[in-house]
Protein backbone atom coordinates (compact mmCIF):
# COMPACT_ATOMS: atom_id res chain seq x y z
CA MET A 1 71.29 71.50 -172.30
CA PRO A 2 67.52 72.75 -172.75
CA LEU A 3 67.73 75.65 -174.83
CA ARG A 4 66.83 78.10 -171.85
CA GLY A 5 63.32 79.55 -173.29
CA ARG A 6 63.42 78.88 -177.02
CA PHE A 7 61.86 75.87 -177.16
CA GLY A 8 58.29 76.03 -178.30
CA LEU A 9 58.95 79.42 -180.24
CA ALA A 10 58.52 78.06 -184.04
CA GLU A 11 56.55 81.00 -184.54
CA GLN A 12 58.36 83.17 -182.42
CA ARG A 13 61.31 85.28 -183.99
CA VAL A 14 62.45 88.66 -182.42
CA PHE A 15 64.74 88.14 -179.50
CA PHE A 16 66.58 90.47 -177.14
CA VAL A 17 69.92 88.57 -177.00
CA THR A 18 72.96 89.57 -174.73
CA THR A 19 76.47 87.84 -174.85
CA SER A 20 79.54 88.38 -172.22
CA VAL A 21 83.19 88.34 -172.67
CA LYS A 22 84.30 85.35 -170.37
CA ASN A 23 85.23 87.00 -166.86
CA HIS A 24 83.08 90.03 -168.07
CA VAL A 25 86.86 91.39 -169.30
CA ARG A 26 86.84 94.42 -171.24
CA LEU A 27 88.07 93.31 -174.86
CA PHE A 28 86.35 95.52 -177.26
CA THR A 29 88.04 99.00 -176.13
CA SER A 30 89.59 100.48 -179.77
CA ASP A 31 86.88 101.47 -182.47
CA ALA A 32 88.85 99.06 -185.00
CA VAL A 33 87.88 95.93 -182.80
CA MET A 34 84.47 97.39 -182.27
CA SER A 35 84.09 97.78 -185.82
CA GLU A 36 85.34 94.81 -186.56
CA LEU A 37 82.53 93.15 -184.06
CA LYS A 38 79.94 95.09 -186.04
CA GLU A 39 80.96 94.05 -189.61
CA ILE A 40 80.72 90.41 -188.41
CA ILE A 41 77.73 91.35 -187.06
CA ARG A 42 76.33 92.44 -190.37
CA THR A 43 77.77 89.53 -192.56
CA TYR A 44 75.95 86.94 -190.79
CA ALA A 45 72.89 88.43 -190.24
CA LEU A 46 73.18 88.77 -193.66
CA LYS A 47 73.63 85.20 -194.22
CA HIS A 48 71.25 84.04 -191.60
CA ASN A 49 68.71 85.74 -192.97
CA ALA A 50 68.34 88.46 -189.79
CA LEU A 51 66.82 91.56 -189.67
CA VAL A 52 68.95 93.62 -186.44
CA PHE A 53 66.98 96.52 -185.37
CA GLY A 54 68.95 97.29 -182.75
CA TYR A 55 72.37 97.31 -181.19
CA ALA A 56 74.68 98.05 -178.40
CA LEU A 57 78.31 97.09 -178.65
CA MET A 58 79.85 97.53 -175.37
CA GLN A 59 83.75 96.88 -174.18
CA ASN A 60 82.56 93.02 -172.64
CA HIS A 61 79.46 92.56 -174.26
CA PHE A 62 76.64 92.64 -176.80
CA HIS A 63 73.24 93.56 -176.96
CA LEU A 64 71.03 92.66 -180.29
CA LEU A 65 67.25 93.25 -180.96
CA ILE A 66 66.89 90.45 -183.85
CA ALA A 67 64.16 89.13 -185.99
CA ILE A 68 65.14 85.60 -187.55
CA ARG A 69 62.69 85.62 -190.70
CA CYS A 70 60.82 82.50 -191.23
CA GLY A 71 62.34 79.79 -192.80
CA GLY A 72 65.76 81.34 -191.73
CA PRO A 73 67.82 78.86 -189.05
CA LYS A 74 67.72 79.66 -185.24
CA VAL A 75 68.98 82.28 -183.18
CA SER A 76 71.09 79.88 -181.56
CA ALA A 77 72.88 79.16 -185.01
CA PHE A 78 73.19 83.16 -185.62
CA MET A 79 74.94 83.37 -182.59
CA ARG A 80 76.70 80.47 -182.47
CA ASP A 81 78.68 82.04 -185.81
CA ILE A 82 79.31 85.38 -184.79
CA LYS A 83 80.99 83.89 -181.31
CA ARG A 84 82.95 81.42 -183.36
CA VAL A 85 84.29 83.99 -185.96
CA THR A 86 85.04 86.53 -183.47
CA SER A 87 86.97 84.63 -181.42
CA LYS A 88 88.93 83.28 -184.21
CA THR A 89 89.65 86.81 -185.62
CA ILE A 90 89.28 89.49 -182.99
CA SER A 91 91.38 86.84 -180.28
CA PRO A 92 93.07 84.25 -182.27
CA GLY A 93 94.56 81.34 -180.22
CA SER A 94 92.86 82.46 -177.04
CA GLY A 95 90.74 79.33 -177.01
CA GLY A 96 87.37 81.56 -177.22
CA ILE A 97 87.02 84.86 -175.77
CA TRP A 98 82.84 84.21 -174.62
CA GLN A 99 80.63 82.92 -171.74
CA ALA A 100 79.68 79.60 -173.23
CA ARG A 101 75.92 80.76 -173.54
CA PHE A 102 74.18 83.87 -174.31
CA ASP A 103 70.88 85.20 -173.24
CA ASP A 104 68.01 85.83 -175.14
CA VAL A 105 64.22 87.08 -174.42
CA ALA A 106 61.65 86.39 -176.92
CA ILE A 107 59.53 89.53 -177.74
CA PHE A 108 56.15 88.96 -178.25
CA SER A 109 54.46 92.73 -178.55
CA GLU A 110 55.98 96.22 -179.81
CA SER A 111 55.46 97.56 -176.43
CA GLN A 112 58.13 94.79 -175.08
CA PHE A 113 60.39 95.92 -178.45
CA ARG A 114 60.50 99.32 -177.89
CA ILE A 115 60.94 99.16 -173.97
CA LYS A 116 64.10 96.27 -174.73
CA LEU A 117 65.45 98.86 -177.96
CA ASN A 118 65.36 101.95 -175.40
CA TYR A 119 67.29 99.70 -173.07
CA ILE A 120 69.93 98.99 -175.63
CA HIS A 121 70.44 102.61 -176.85
CA ASN A 122 70.89 103.63 -172.85
CA ASN A 123 73.04 100.99 -172.14
CA PRO A 124 76.21 102.95 -173.15
CA VAL A 125 74.78 106.06 -171.33
CA LYS A 126 74.58 104.10 -168.49
CA ALA A 127 77.95 102.84 -168.44
CA GLY A 128 79.64 106.25 -169.08
CA LEU A 129 80.23 105.47 -172.78
CA ALA A 130 78.49 108.48 -174.21
CA SER A 131 76.31 111.71 -172.89
CA VAL A 132 73.54 110.90 -175.02
CA ALA A 133 72.34 107.61 -176.76
CA GLU A 134 73.04 108.80 -181.01
CA ASP A 135 76.59 110.05 -180.04
CA TYR A 136 77.65 106.55 -179.35
CA PRO A 137 79.36 105.21 -182.52
CA PHE A 138 78.76 101.23 -181.64
CA SER A 139 74.75 101.46 -181.30
CA SER A 140 71.75 101.77 -183.10
CA ALA A 141 70.54 104.69 -181.39
CA ALA A 142 71.24 107.66 -184.44
CA ALA A 143 69.61 105.34 -186.78
CA TRP A 144 66.19 105.36 -184.52
CA ILE A 145 66.47 109.16 -183.00
CA SER A 146 68.52 110.92 -185.63
CA GLY A 147 67.68 108.69 -188.70
CA LYS A 148 71.57 108.23 -189.66
CA PRO A 149 72.13 105.40 -192.04
CA ASP A 150 73.40 102.56 -190.27
CA PRO A 151 73.76 99.38 -193.04
CA LEU A 152 73.63 97.00 -189.66
CA VAL A 153 69.91 98.13 -188.66
CA THR A 154 66.33 98.09 -190.32
CA THR A 155 63.97 100.62 -188.02
CA SER A 156 61.27 99.29 -190.22
CA LEU A 157 59.00 97.13 -188.75
CA ASN A 158 57.57 95.69 -191.64
CA PHE A 159 55.82 92.60 -189.61
CA VAL A 160 52.59 91.71 -187.43
CA TRP A 161 52.81 91.12 -183.90
CA PRO A 162 51.29 87.78 -182.90
């Protein structure tokens, strides 16, 4: 199968990623499961030398704004590992909880980056999970808006846009 937009992006390393649970089942409904998902993402970000700039963990999907540092594995390997481990730990014996693919958009400018970051942060508000973005505990909004420390998030843009 083609790589749906990832081909030819050898130098591009910033992506907006979305992946969903099979049949859009609301699987992530407890704080414990959400915390486990967040920790798995953090673990694999470290393993894959990735920077997570933004995230929102929702009941049946999640969004990430990530950069894979030069020399690191591809975004597909990062997502494969997260989806494989979460299927085994969050819902063992289910045969997998995720839709087979994930969606990604390559980010080429700081303007695009800010648009996607705002979308991620407003997603829980739009879904009625919080009244303001920074109050949702499973999002990077508080780190960006209020400066609240989040061990998963990098709020520094220490790279140059192409």
